[in-house]
PDB file of N, CA and C in Angstrom:
ATOM      1  N   MET A   1      -5.604  -3.764 -15.077  1.00  0.00           N
ATOM      2  CA  MET A   1      -6.289  -4.900 -14.469  1.00  0.00           C
ATOM      3  C   MET A   1      -5.584  -5.220 -13.153  1.00  0.00           C
ATOM      4  N   PRO A   2      -6.342  -5.526 -12.105  1.00  0.00           N
ATOM      5  CA  PRO A   2      -5.740  -5.842 -10.806  1.00  0.00           C
ATOM      6  C   PRO A   2      -4.777  -7.045 -10.883  1.00  0.00           C
ATOM      7  N   ARG A   3      -3.745  -6.955 -10.071  1.00  0.00           N
ATOM      8  CA  ARG A   3      -2.773  -8.049  -9.969  1.00  0.00           C
ATOM      9  C   ARG A   3      -2.885  -8.700  -8.595  1.00  0.00           C
ATOM     10  N   PHE A   4      -2.550  -9.994  -8.572  1.00  0.00           N
ATOM     11  CA  PHE A   4      -2.648 -10.780  -7.349  1.00  0.00           C
ATOM     12  C   PHE A   4      -1.388 -11.619  -7.176  1.00  0.00           C
ATOM     13  N   LEU A   5      -0.959 -11.754  -5.927  1.00  0.00           N
ATOM     14  CA  LEU A   5       0.149 -12.640  -5.598  1.00  0.00           C
ATOM     15  C   LEU A   5      -0.438 -13.974  -5.180  1.00  0.00           C
ATOM     16  N   PHE A   6      -0.007 -15.034  -5.827  1.00  0.00           N
ATOM     17  CA  PHE A   6      -0.367 -16.392  -5.423  1.00  0.00           C
ATOM     18  C   PHE A   6       0.800 -16.921  -4.600  1.00  0.00           C
ATOM     19  N   VAL A   7       0.540 -17.320  -3.372  1.00  0.00           N
ATOM     20  CA  VAL A   7       1.554 -17.907  -2.489  1.00  0.00           C
ATOM     21  C   VAL A   7       1.188 -19.370  -2.315  1.00  0.00           C
ATOM     22  N   TYR A   8       2.106 -20.244  -2.687  1.00  0.00           N
ATOM     23  CA  TYR A   8       1.840 -21.678  -2.675  1.00  0.00           C
ATOM     24  C   TYR A   8       2.273 -22.281  -1.349  1.00  0.00           C
ATOM     25  N   ARG A   9       1.336 -22.959  -0.691  1.00  0.00           N
ATOM     26  CA  ARG A   9       1.574 -23.554   0.629  1.00  0.00           C
ATOM     27  C   ARG A   9       1.246 -25.042   0.602  1.00  0.00           C
ATOM     28  N   SER A  10       1.967 -25.791   1.428  1.00  0.00           N
ATOM     29  CA  SER A  10       1.669 -27.215   1.568  1.00  0.00           C
ATOM     30  C   SER A  10       2.157 -27.694   2.922  1.00  0.00           C
ATOM     31  N   GLU A  11       1.753 -28.891   3.256  1.00  0.00           N
ATOM     32  CA  GLU A  11       2.299 -29.546   4.442  1.00  0.00           C
ATOM     33  C   GLU A  11       3.764 -29.879   4.144  1.00  0.00           C
ATOM     34  N   PRO A  12       4.617 -29.895   5.156  1.00  0.00           N
ATOM     35  CA  PRO A  12       5.998 -30.305   4.905  1.00  0.00           C
ATOM     36  C   PRO A  12       6.039 -31.709   4.304  1.00  0.00           C
ATOM     37  N   PHE A  13       6.901 -31.908   3.326  1.00  0.00           N
ATOM     38  CA  PHE A  13       7.035 -33.222   2.710  1.00  0.00           C
ATOM     39  C   PHE A  13       8.473 -33.430   2.286  1.00  0.00           C
ATOM     40  N   ASP A  14       8.812 -34.676   2.052  1.00  0.00           N
ATOM     41  CA  ASP A  14      10.165 -35.060   1.671  1.00  0.00           C
ATOM     42  C   ASP A  14      10.164 -35.439   0.192  1.00  0.00           C
ATOM     43  N   MET A  15      10.730 -34.574  -0.646  1.00  0.00           N
ATOM     44  CA  MET A  15      10.747 -34.837  -2.085  1.00  0.00           C
ATOM     45  C   MET A  15      11.499 -36.119  -2.431  1.00  0.00           C
ATOM     46  N   SER A  16      12.420 -36.529  -1.556  1.00  0.00           N
ATOM     47  CA  SER A  16      13.182 -37.740  -1.850  1.00  0.00           C
ATOM     48  C   SER A  16      12.292 -38.982  -1.815  1.00  0.00           C
ATOM     49  N   LYS A  17      11.083 -38.845  -1.250  1.00  0.00           N
ATOM     50  CA  LYS A  17      10.157 -39.976  -1.207  1.00  0.00           C
ATOM     51  C   LYS A  17       9.298 -40.064  -2.470  1.00  0.00           C
ATOM     52  N   MET A  18       9.431 -39.061  -3.351  1.00  0.00           N
ATOM     53  CA  MET A  18       8.698 -39.093  -4.620  1.00  0.00           C
ATOM     54  C   MET A  18       9.540 -39.844  -5.650  1.00  0.00           C
ATOM     55  N   SER A  19       8.886 -40.659  -6.429  1.00  0.00           N
ATOM     56  CA  SER A  19       9.603 -41.356  -7.510  1.00  0.00           C
ATOM     57  C   SER A  19       9.911 -40.343  -8.614  1.00  0.00           C
ATOM     58  N   PRO A  20      10.885 -40.645  -9.461  1.00  0.00           N
ATOM     59  CA  PRO A  20      11.163 -39.750 -10.586  1.00  0.00           C
ATOM     60  C   PRO A  20       9.915 -39.528 -11.451  1.00  0.00           C
ATOM     61  N   GLY A  21       9.105 -40.554 -11.618  1.00  0.00           N
ATOM     62  CA  GLY A  21       7.873 -40.419 -12.395  1.00  0.00           C
ATOM     63  C   GLY A  21       6.890 -39.463 -11.748  1.00  0.00           C
ATOM     64  N   GLN A  22       6.753 -39.542 -10.421  1.00  0.00           N
ATOM     65  CA  GLN A  22       5.855 -38.635  -9.705  1.00  0.00           C
ATOM     66  C   GLN A  22       6.348 -37.195  -9.795  1.00  0.00           C
ATOM     67  N   MET A  23       7.662 -37.011  -9.667  1.00  0.00           N
ATOM     68  CA  MET A  23       8.228 -35.666  -9.782  1.00  0.00           C
ATOM     69  C   MET A  23       7.992 -35.111 -11.180  1.00  0.00           C
ATOM     70  N   GLN A  24       8.170 -35.938 -12.207  1.00  0.00           N
ATOM     71  CA  GLN A  24       7.957 -35.495 -13.584  1.00  0.00           C
ATOM     72  C   GLN A  24       6.490 -35.142 -13.827  1.00  0.00           C
ATOM     73  N   GLU A  25       5.573 -35.954 -13.300  1.00  0.00           N
ATOM     74  CA  GLU A  25       4.138 -35.669 -13.449  1.00  0.00           C
ATOM     75  C   GLU A  25       3.784 -34.327 -12.817  1.00  0.00           C
ATOM     76  N   SER A  26       4.333 -34.061 -11.634  1.00  0.00           N
ATOM     77  CA  SER A  26       4.067 -32.794 -10.962  1.00  0.00           C
ATOM     78  C   SER A  26       4.613 -31.624 -11.786  1.00  0.00           C
ATOM     79  N   MET A  27       5.838 -31.745 -12.260  1.00  0.00           N
ATOM     80  CA  MET A  27       6.429 -30.670 -13.071  1.00  0.00           C
ATOM     81  C   MET A  27       5.643 -30.466 -14.362  1.00  0.00           C
ATOM     82  N   ASP A  28       5.168 -31.530 -14.961  1.00  0.00           N
ATOM     83  CA  ASP A  28       4.360 -31.416 -16.185  1.00  0.00           C
ATOM     84  C   ASP A  28       3.055 -30.672 -15.912  1.00  0.00           C
ATOM     85  N   ARG A  29       2.426 -30.950 -14.760  1.00  0.00           N
ATOM     86  CA  ARG A  29       1.198 -30.240 -14.395  1.00  0.00           C
ATOM     87  C   ARG A  29       1.464 -28.742 -14.239  1.00  0.00           C
ATOM     88  N   TRP A  30       2.582 -28.411 -13.556  1.00  0.00           N
ATOM     89  CA  TRP A  30       2.937 -27.001 -13.366  1.00  0.00           C
ATOM     90  C   TRP A  30       3.217 -26.321 -14.703  1.00  0.00           C
ATOM     91  N   ARG A  31       3.990 -26.966 -15.558  1.00  0.00           N
ATOM     92  CA  ARG A  31       4.297 -26.363 -16.870  1.00  0.00           C
ATOM     93  C   ARG A  31       3.024 -26.122 -17.678  1.00  0.00           C
ATOM     94  N   ALA A  32       2.120 -27.085 -17.663  1.00  0.00           N
ATOM     95  CA  ALA A  32       0.868 -26.951 -18.415  1.00  0.00           C
ATOM     96  C   ALA A  32       0.019 -25.815 -17.844  1.00  0.00           C
ATOM     97  N   TRP A  33      -0.089 -25.739 -16.531  1.00  0.00           N
ATOM     98  CA  TRP A  33      -0.904 -24.708 -15.896  1.00  0.00           C
ATOM     99  C   TRP A  33      -0.330 -23.314 -16.153  1.00  0.00           C
ATOM    100  N   ILE A  34       0.979 -23.158 -15.984  1.00  0.00           N
ATOM    101  CA  ILE A  34       1.625 -21.866 -16.244  1.00  0.00           C
ATOM    102  C   ILE A  34       1.503 -21.506 -17.726  1.00  0.00           C
ATOM    103  N   GLY A  35       1.710 -22.484 -18.606  1.00  0.00           N
ATOM    104  CA  GLY A  35       1.565 -22.240 -20.040  1.00  0.00           C
ATOM    105  C   GLY A  35       0.165 -21.787 -20.392  1.00  0.00           C
ATOM    106  N   GLN A  36      -0.838 -22.413 -19.783  1.00  0.00           N
ATOM    107  CA  GLN A  36      -2.226 -22.017 -20.015  1.00  0.00           C
ATOM    108  C   GLN A  36      -2.443 -20.579 -19.542  1.00  0.00           C
ATOM    109  N   GLY A  37      -1.869 -20.250 -18.386  1.00  0.00           N
ATOM    110  CA  GLY A  37      -2.008 -18.891 -17.857  1.00  0.00           C
ATOM    111  C   GLY A  37      -1.420 -17.842 -18.782  1.00  0.00           C
ATOM    112  N   PHE A  38      -0.262 -18.131 -19.350  1.00  0.00           N
ATOM    113  CA  PHE A  38       0.337 -17.188 -20.301  1.00  0.00           C
ATOM    114  C   PHE A  38      -0.493 -17.119 -21.586  1.00  0.00           C
ATOM    115  N   ALA A  39      -0.952 -18.267 -22.070  1.00  0.00           N
ATOM    116  CA  ALA A  39      -1.751 -18.299 -23.302  1.00  0.00           C
ATOM    117  C   ALA A  39      -3.057 -17.519 -23.130  1.00  0.00           C
ATOM    118  N   GLU A  40      -3.662 -17.590 -21.943  1.00  0.00           N
ATOM    119  CA  GLU A  40      -4.927 -16.897 -21.685  1.00  0.00           C
ATOM    120  C   GLU A  40      -4.720 -15.470 -21.188  1.00  0.00           C
ATOM    121  N   GLY A  41      -3.470 -15.108 -20.889  1.00  0.00           N
ATOM    122  CA  GLY A  41      -3.149 -13.738 -20.507  1.00  0.00           C
ATOM    123  C   GLY A  41      -3.290 -13.381 -19.045  1.00  0.00           C
ATOM    124  N   TRP A  42      -3.568 -14.348 -18.179  1.00  0.00           N
ATOM    125  CA  TRP A  42      -3.701 -14.016 -16.761  1.00  0.00           C
ATOM    126  C   TRP A  42      -2.424 -14.246 -15.968  1.00  0.00           C
ATOM    127  N   MET A  43      -1.482 -15.012 -16.482  1.00  0.00           N
ATOM    128  CA  MET A  43      -0.204 -15.212 -15.787  1.00  0.00           C
ATOM    129  C   MET A  43       0.737 -14.072 -16.187  1.00  0.00           C
ATOM    130  N   ILE A  44       1.191 -13.316 -15.209  1.00  0.00           N
ATOM    131  CA  ILE A  44       2.093 -12.190 -15.446  1.00  0.00           C
ATOM    132  C   ILE A  44       3.541 -12.606 -15.220  1.00  0.00           C
ATOM    133  N   ASP A  45       3.778 -13.297 -14.111  1.00  0.00           N
ATOM    134  CA  ASP A  45       5.121 -13.724 -13.717  1.00  0.00           C
ATOM    135  C   ASP A  45       4.969 -15.086 -13.038  1.00  0.00           C
ATOM    136  N   PRO A  46       5.565 -16.134 -13.619  1.00  0.00           N
ATOM    137  CA  PRO A  46       5.395 -17.453 -13.005  1.00  0.00           C
ATOM    138  C   PRO A  46       6.089 -17.577 -11.659  1.00  0.00           C
ATOM    139  N   GLY A  47       6.911 -16.598 -11.302  1.00  0.00           N
ATOM    140  CA  GLY A  47       7.582 -16.631 -10.012  1.00  0.00           C
ATOM    141  C   GLY A  47       8.633 -17.724  -9.956  1.00  0.00           C
ATOM    142  N   ASP A  48       8.724 -18.365  -8.806  1.00  0.00           N
ATOM    143  CA  ASP A  48       9.742 -19.382  -8.607  1.00  0.00           C
ATOM    144  C   ASP A  48       9.379 -20.198  -7.374  1.00  0.00           C
ATOM    145  N   ALA A  49       9.987 -21.361  -7.294  1.00  0.00           N
ATOM    146  CA  ALA A  49       9.885 -22.160  -6.078  1.00  0.00           C
ATOM    147  C   ALA A  49      10.823 -21.563  -5.034  1.00  0.00           C
ATOM    148  N   LEU A  50      10.522 -21.783  -3.776  1.00  0.00           N
ATOM    149  CA  LEU A  50      11.350 -21.280  -2.688  1.00  0.00           C
ATOM    150  C   LEU A  50      12.078 -22.428  -2.009  1.00  0.00           C
ATOM    151  N   MET A  51      13.317 -22.190  -1.648  1.00  0.00           N
ATOM    152  CA  MET A  51      14.097 -23.173  -0.913  1.00  0.00           C
ATOM    153  C   MET A  51      13.618 -23.169   0.547  1.00  0.00           C
ATOM    154  N   PRO A  52      13.797 -24.276   1.266  1.00  0.00           N
ATOM    155  CA  PRO A  52      13.268 -24.343   2.637  1.00  0.00           C
ATOM    156  C   PRO A  52      14.005 -23.467   3.641  1.00  0.00           C
ATOM    157  N   GLU A  53      15.279 -23.171   3.403  1.00  0.00           N
ATOM    158  CA  GLU A  53      16.010 -22.361   4.377  1.00  0.00           C
ATOM    159  C   GLU A  53      15.736 -20.883   4.135  1.00  0.00           C
ATOM    160  N   GLY A  54      16.005 -20.079   5.135  1.00  0.00           N
ATOM    161  CA  GLY A  54      15.812 -18.649   5.035  1.00  0.00           C
ATOM    162  C   GLY A  54      16.091 -17.997   6.369  1.00  0.00           C
ATOM    163  N   ARG A  55      15.838 -16.710   6.462  1.00  0.00           N
ATOM    164  CA  ARG A  55      16.040 -15.973   7.701  1.00  0.00           C
ATOM    165  C   ARG A  55      14.932 -14.949   7.848  1.00  0.00           C
ATOM    166  N   VAL A  56      14.606 -14.661   9.096  1.00  0.00           N
ATOM    167  CA  VAL A  56      13.675 -13.598   9.414  1.00  0.00           C
ATOM    168  C   VAL A  56      14.454 -12.554  10.199  1.00  0.00           C
ATOM    169  N   VAL A  57      14.373 -11.306   9.776  1.00  0.00           N
ATOM    170  CA  VAL A  57      15.071 -10.203  10.429  1.00  0.00           C
ATOM    171  C   VAL A  57      14.019  -9.317  11.078  1.00  0.00           C
ATOM    172  N   THR A  58      14.228  -8.992  12.361  1.00  0.00           N
ATOM    173  CA  THR A  58      13.285  -8.142  13.073  1.00  0.00           C
ATOM    174  C   THR A  58      13.953  -6.830  13.472  1.00  0.00           C
ATOM    175  N   ARG A  59      13.157  -5.903  13.898  1.00  0.00           N
ATOM    176  CA  ARG A  59      13.643  -4.585  14.314  1.00  0.00           C
ATOM    177  C   ARG A  59      14.630  -4.685  15.471  1.00  0.00           C
ATOM    178  N   SER A  60      14.449  -5.668  16.333  1.00  0.00           N
ATOM    179  CA  SER A  60      15.335  -5.814  17.489  1.00  0.00           C
ATOM    180  C   SER A  60      16.638  -6.507  17.105  1.00  0.00           C
ATOM    181  N   GLU A  61      16.912  -6.594  15.822  1.00  0.00           N
ATOM    182  CA  GLU A  61      18.137  -7.172  15.277  1.00  0.00           C
ATOM    183  C   GLU A  61      18.275  -8.662  15.546  1.00  0.00           C
ATOM    184  N   VAL A  62      17.166  -9.310  15.852  1.00  0.00           N
ATOM    185  CA  VAL A  62      17.178 -10.755  16.006  1.00  0.00           C
ATOM    186  C   VAL A  62      17.033 -11.358  14.619  1.00  0.00           C
ATOM    187  N   VAL A  63      17.936 -12.252  14.293  1.00  0.00           N
ATOM    188  CA  VAL A  63      17.864 -12.949  13.010  1.00  0.00           C
ATOM    189  C   VAL A  63      17.600 -14.411  13.318  1.00  0.00           C
ATOM    190  N   THR A  64      16.505 -14.942  12.772  1.00  0.00           N
ATOM    191  CA  THR A  64      16.122 -16.330  13.006  1.00  0.00           C
ATOM    192  C   THR A  64      16.367 -17.119  11.744  1.00  0.00           C
ATOM    193  N   ASP A  65      17.133 -18.201  11.857  1.00  0.00           N
ATOM    194  CA  ASP A  65      17.379 -19.073  10.711  1.00  0.00           C
ATOM    195  C   ASP A  65      16.214 -20.020  10.510  1.00  0.00           C
ATOM    196  N   GLY A  66      15.940 -20.347   9.253  1.00  0.00           N
ATOM    197  CA  GLY A  66      14.933 -21.351   8.916  1.00  0.00           C
ATOM    198  C   GLY A  66      15.629 -22.630   8.522  1.00  0.00           C
ATOM    199  N   PRO A  67      14.942 -23.742   8.258  1.00  0.00           N
ATOM    200  CA  PRO A  67      13.482 -23.799   8.197  1.00  0.00           C
ATOM    201  C   PRO A  67      12.865 -23.555   9.563  1.00  0.00           C
ATOM    202  N   PHE A  68      11.649 -23.124   9.544  1.00  0.00           N
ATOM    203  CA  PHE A  68      11.004 -22.629  10.736  1.00  0.00           C
ATOM    204  C   PHE A  68      10.109 -23.701  11.333  1.00  0.00           C
ATOM    205  N   ALA A  69      10.566 -24.302  12.407  1.00  0.00           N
ATOM    206  CA  ALA A  69       9.872 -25.431  13.030  1.00  0.00           C
ATOM    207  C   ALA A  69       8.472 -25.050  13.497  1.00  0.00           C
ATOM    208  N   GLU A  70       8.273 -23.760  13.826  1.00  0.00           N
ATOM    209  CA  GLU A  70       6.957 -23.364  14.315  1.00  0.00           C
ATOM    210  C   GLU A  70       5.914 -23.304  13.200  1.00  0.00           C
ATOM    211  N   SER A  71       6.359 -23.338  11.975  1.00  0.00           N
ATOM    212  CA  SER A  71       5.423 -23.287  10.856  1.00  0.00           C
ATOM    213  C   SER A  71       4.854 -24.670  10.581  1.00  0.00           C
ATOM    214  N   LYS A  72       3.536 -24.739  10.427  1.00  0.00           N
ATOM    215  CA  LYS A  72       2.894 -26.007  10.107  1.00  0.00           C
ATOM    216  C   LYS A  72       2.800 -26.201   8.610  1.00  0.00           C
ATOM    217  N   GLU A  73       3.169 -25.171   7.852  1.00  0.00           N
ATOM    218  CA  GLU A  73       3.105 -25.229   6.406  1.00  0.00           C
ATOM    219  C   GLU A  73       4.441 -24.821   5.814  1.00  0.00           C
ATOM    220  N   VAL A  74       4.654 -25.246   4.589  1.00  0.00           N
ATOM    221  CA  VAL A  74       5.832 -24.862   3.838  1.00  0.00           C
ATOM    222  C   VAL A  74       5.396 -23.859   2.780  1.00  0.00           C
ATOM    223  N   LEU A  75       6.104 -22.736   2.691  1.00  0.00           N
ATOM    224  CA  LEU A  75       5.887 -21.811   1.586  1.00  0.00           C
ATOM    225  C   LEU A  75       6.700 -22.345   0.423  1.00  0.00           C
ATOM    226  N   GLY A  76       6.012 -22.815  -0.592  1.00  0.00           N
ATOM    227  CA  GLY A  76       6.706 -23.483  -1.689  1.00  0.00           C
ATOM    228  C   GLY A  76       7.091 -22.590  -2.839  1.00  0.00           C
ATOM    229  N   GLY A  77       6.431 -21.446  -2.993  1.00  0.00           N
ATOM    230  CA  GLY A  77       6.740 -20.562  -4.100  1.00  0.00           C
ATOM    231  C   GLY A  77       5.661 -19.517  -4.281  1.00  0.00           C
ATOM    232  N   TYR A  78       5.736 -18.815  -5.408  1.00  0.00           N
ATOM    233  CA  TYR A  78       4.807 -17.721  -5.660  1.00  0.00           C
ATOM    234  C   TYR A  78       4.674 -17.473  -7.151  1.00  0.00           C
ATOM    235  N   SER A  79       3.619 -16.784  -7.545  1.00  0.00           N
ATOM    236  CA  SER A  79       3.420 -16.288  -8.903  1.00  0.00           C
ATOM    237  C   SER A  79       2.648 -14.983  -8.813  1.00  0.00           C
ATOM    238  N   VAL A  80       2.674 -14.208  -9.889  1.00  0.00           N
ATOM    239  CA  VAL A  80       1.868 -13.002  -9.994  1.00  0.00           C
ATOM    240  C   VAL A  80       0.913 -13.193 -11.164  1.00  0.00           C
ATOM    241  N   VAL A  81      -0.375 -12.983 -10.901  1.00  0.00           N
ATOM    242  CA  VAL A  81      -1.391 -13.126 -11.941  1.00  0.00           C
ATOM    243  C   VAL A  81      -2.209 -11.842 -12.008  1.00  0.00           C
ATOM    244  N   GLN A  82      -2.938 -11.694 -13.102  1.00  0.00           N
ATOM    245  CA  GLN A  82      -3.882 -10.590 -13.199  1.00  0.00           C
ATOM    246  C   GLN A  82      -5.256 -11.170 -13.452  1.00  0.00           C
ATOM    247  N   ALA A  83      -6.249 -10.511 -12.895  1.00  0.00           N
ATOM    248  CA  ALA A  83      -7.639 -10.964 -13.043  1.00  0.00           C
ATOM    249  C   ALA A  83      -8.551  -9.773 -12.807  1.00  0.00           C
ATOM    250  N   GLU A  84      -9.771  -9.861 -13.285  1.00  0.00           N
ATOM    251  CA  GLU A  84     -10.743  -8.780 -13.140  1.00  0.00           C
ATOM    252  C   GLU A  84     -11.113  -8.537 -11.675  1.00  0.00           C
ATOM    253  N   SER A  85     -11.039  -9.591 -10.856  1.00  0.00           N
ATOM    254  CA  SER A  85     -11.460  -9.476  -9.459  1.00  0.00           C
ATOM    255  C   SER A  85     -10.808 -10.584  -8.644  1.00  0.00           C
ATOM    256  N   LEU A  86     -10.950 -10.492  -7.346  1.00  0.00           N
ATOM    257  CA  LEU A  86     -10.461 -11.545  -6.461  1.00  0.00           C
ATOM    258  C   LEU A  86     -11.157 -12.862  -6.776  1.00  0.00           C
ATOM    259  N   ASP A  87     -12.465 -12.811  -7.041  1.00  0.00           N
ATOM    260  CA  ASP A  87     -13.192 -14.033  -7.383  1.00  0.00           C
ATOM    261  C   ASP A  87     -12.661 -14.662  -8.670  1.00  0.00           C
ATOM    262  N   ALA A  88     -12.290 -13.837  -9.646  1.00  0.00           N
ATOM    263  CA  ALA A  88     -11.721 -14.365 -10.889  1.00  0.00           C
ATOM    264  C   ALA A  88     -10.357 -14.997 -10.624  1.00  0.00           C
ATOM    265  N   ALA A  89      -9.570 -14.401  -9.730  1.00  0.00           N
ATOM    266  CA  ALA A  89      -8.271 -14.981  -9.372  1.00  0.00           C
ATOM    267  C   ALA A  89      -8.463 -16.333  -8.684  1.00  0.00           C
ATOM    268  N   VAL A  90      -9.504 -16.435  -7.856  1.00  0.00           N
ATOM    269  CA  VAL A  90      -9.812 -17.702  -7.189  1.00  0.00           C
ATOM    270  C   VAL A  90     -10.076 -18.800  -8.217  1.00  0.00           C
ATOM    271  N   LYS A  91     -10.759 -18.472  -9.294  1.00  0.00           N
ATOM    272  CA  LYS A  91     -11.034 -19.468 -10.340  1.00  0.00           C
ATOM    273  C   LYS A  91      -9.740 -20.017 -10.934  1.00  0.00           C
ATOM    274  N   HIS A  92      -8.753 -19.152 -11.142  1.00  0.00           N
ATOM    275  CA  HIS A  92      -7.461 -19.622 -11.660  1.00  0.00           C
ATOM    276  C   HIS A  92      -6.751 -20.493 -10.629  1.00  0.00           C
ATOM    277  N   ALA A  93      -6.824 -20.098  -9.367  1.00  0.00           N
ATOM    278  CA  ALA A  93      -6.142 -20.852  -8.306  1.00  0.00           C
ATOM    279  C   ALA A  93      -6.737 -22.241  -8.123  1.00  0.00           C
ATOM    280  N   ARG A  94      -8.023 -22.384  -8.363  1.00  0.00           N
ATOM    281  CA  ARG A  94      -8.666 -23.696  -8.177  1.00  0.00           C
ATOM    282  C   ARG A  94      -8.079 -24.766  -9.095  1.00  0.00           C
ATOM    283  N   THR A  95      -7.520 -24.366 -10.235  1.00  0.00           N
ATOM    284  CA  THR A  95      -6.948 -25.336 -11.165  1.00  0.00           C
ATOM    285  C   THR A  95      -5.439 -25.485 -10.994  1.00  0.00           C
ATOM    286  N   CYS A  96      -4.876 -24.790 -10.023  1.00  0.00           N
ATOM    287  CA  CYS A  96      -3.427 -24.820  -9.787  1.00  0.00           C
ATOM    288  C   CYS A  96      -2.984 -26.199  -9.306  1.00  0.00           C
ATOM    289  N   PRO A  97      -1.852 -26.685  -9.814  1.00  0.00           N
ATOM    290  CA  PRO A  97      -1.336 -27.975  -9.335  1.00  0.00           C
ATOM    291  C   PRO A  97      -1.159 -28.027  -7.819  1.00  0.00           C
ATOM    292  N   GLN A  98      -0.848 -26.906  -7.195  1.00  0.00           N
ATOM    293  CA  GLN A  98      -0.681 -26.908  -5.738  1.00  0.00           C
ATOM    294  C   GLN A  98      -1.961 -27.365  -5.055  1.00  0.00           C
ATOM    295  N   VAL A  99      -3.099 -26.917  -5.556  1.00  0.00           N
ATOM    296  CA  VAL A  99      -4.394 -27.307  -4.990  1.00  0.00           C
ATOM    297  C   VAL A  99      -4.714 -28.744  -5.373  1.00  0.00           C
ATOM    298  N   VAL A 100      -4.498 -29.072  -6.636  1.00  0.00           N
ATOM    299  CA  VAL A 100      -4.774 -30.422  -7.136  1.00  0.00           C
ATOM    300  C   VAL A 100      -3.970 -31.462  -6.361  1.00  0.00           C
ATOM    301  N   GLU A 101      -2.741 -31.103  -5.961  1.00  0.00           N
ATOM    302  CA  GLU A 101      -1.856 -32.040  -5.264  1.00  0.00           C
ATOM    303  C   GLU A 101      -2.027 -31.997  -3.750  1.00  0.00           C
ATOM    304  N   GLY A 102      -3.024 -31.254  -3.251  1.00  0.00           N
ATOM    305  CA  GLY A 102      -3.328 -31.288  -1.819  1.00  0.00           C
ATOM    306  C   GLY A 102      -2.860 -30.098  -1.015  1.00  0.00           C
ATOM    307  N   GLY A 103      -2.232 -29.124  -1.637  1.00  0.00           N
ATOM    308  CA  GLY A 103      -1.793 -27.925  -0.931  1.00  0.00           C
ATOM    309  C   GLY A 103      -2.835 -26.829  -1.039  1.00  0.00           C
ATOM    310  N   SER A 104      -2.386 -25.596  -0.873  1.00  0.00           N
ATOM    311  CA  SER A 104      -3.295 -24.463  -0.979  1.00  0.00           C
ATOM    312  C   SER A 104      -2.591 -23.296  -1.662  1.00  0.00           C
ATOM    313  N   VAL A 105      -3.399 -22.352  -2.125  1.00  0.00           N
ATOM    314  CA  VAL A 105      -2.890 -21.122  -2.725  1.00  0.00           C
ATOM    315  C   VAL A 105      -3.488 -19.960  -1.950  1.00  0.00           C
ATOM    316  N   GLU A 106      -2.631 -19.158  -1.343  1.00  0.00           N
ATOM    317  CA  GLU A 106      -3.068 -17.918  -0.714  1.00  0.00           C
ATOM    318  C   GLU A 106      -3.074 -16.852  -1.802  1.00  0.00           C
ATOM    319  N   ILE A 107      -4.166 -16.130  -1.930  1.00  0.00           N
ATOM    320  CA  ILE A 107      -4.303 -15.103  -2.963  1.00  0.00           C
ATOM    321  C   ILE A 107      -4.349 -13.752  -2.284  1.00  0.00           C
ATOM    322  N   ARG A 108      -3.400 -12.881  -2.644  1.00  0.00           N
ATOM    323  CA  ARG A 108      -3.335 -11.555  -2.034  1.00  0.00           C
ATOM    324  C   ARG A 108      -3.392 -10.491  -3.113  1.00  0.00           C
ATOM    325  N   PRO A 109      -4.366  -9.581  -3.056  1.00  0.00           N
ATOM    326  CA  PRO A 109      -4.394  -8.476  -4.005  1.00  0.00           C
ATOM    327  C   PRO A 109      -3.143  -7.607  -3.821  1.00  0.00           C
ATOM    328  N   MET A 110      -2.576  -7.184  -4.911  1.00  0.00           N
ATOM    329  CA  MET A 110      -1.402  -6.318  -4.864  1.00  0.00           C
ATOM    330  C   MET A 110      -1.868  -4.868  -4.911  1.00  0.00           C
ATOM    331  N   ALA A 111      -1.204  -4.006  -4.154  1.00  0.00           N
ATOM    332  CA  ALA A 111      -1.634  -2.615  -4.021  1.00  0.00           C
ATOM    333  C   ALA A 111      -1.287  -1.762  -5.235  1.00  0.00           C
ATOM    334  N   GLY A 112      -0.339  -2.183  -6.046  1.00  0.00           N
ATOM    335  CA  GLY A 112       0.043  -1.394  -7.206  1.00  0.00           C
ATOM    336  C   GLY A 112       0.936  -0.219  -6.876  1.00  0.00           C
ATOM    337  N   LEU A 113       1.650  -0.284  -5.783  1.00  0.00           N
ATOM    338  CA  LEU A 113       2.511   0.817  -5.357  1.00  0.00           C
ATOM    339  C   LEU A 113       3.963   0.651  -5.796  1.00  0.00           C
ATOM    340  N   ALA A 114       4.311  -0.464  -6.374  1.00  0.00           N
ATOM    341  CA  ALA A 114       5.706  -0.716  -6.757  1.00  0.00           C
ATOM    342  C   ALA A 114       6.139   0.244  -7.854  1.00  0.00           C
ATOM    343  N   ALA A 115       7.363   0.726  -7.761  1.00  0.00           N
ATOM    344  CA  ALA A 115       7.931   1.586  -8.791  1.00  0.00           C
ATOM    345  C   ALA A 115       8.228   0.769 -10.035  1.00  0.00           C
ATOM    346  N   GLU A 116       8.035   1.363 -11.178  1.00  0.00           N
ATOM    347  CA  GLU A 116       8.363   0.696 -12.430  1.00  0.00           C
ATOM    348  C   GLU A 116       9.881   0.673 -12.581  1.00  0.00           C
ATOM    349  N   PRO A 117      10.444  -0.473 -13.037  1.00  0.00           N
ATOM    350  CA  PRO A 117      11.891  -0.540 -13.234  1.00  0.00           C
ATOM    351  C   PRO A 117      12.327   0.440 -14.334  1.00  0.00           C
ATOM    352  N   LYS A 118      13.511   1.014 -14.154  1.00  0.00           N
ATOM    353  CA  LYS A 118      14.045   1.950 -15.160  1.00  0.00           C
ATOM    354  C   LYS A 118      14.853   1.191 -16.191  1.00  0.00           C
ATOM    355  N   GLY A 119      14.773   1.683 -17.405  1.00  0.00           N
ATOM    356  CA  GLY A 119      15.629   1.225 -18.468  1.00  0.00           C
ATOM    357  C   GLY A 119      15.336  -0.061 -19.041  1.00  0.00           C
TER     358      GLY A 119
END
């Protein structure tokens, strides 16, 4: 079955402005959604959240530190799902907490070229 990468995007925000209750509600939504995905068999790897800092390395040996001011969006994390088609993957993304909370999910079909891990 085809696999898809879900990339979670949102506007930059300050988590310190969320109350503990709001943070807990968001985490509960994510846990429920991921749990549903595993129960229904479409969630392959829940992935992880991404920290705001990072680096970009280019061929010209330029290394750029993040966070990246030129970006209008924050890459918040990723997951790997499986679905019969891109349209079926879209149906799963529509119920994602990232979308429900005002962000977006970029869905990218995976080529299936990765080597299987040994052992």
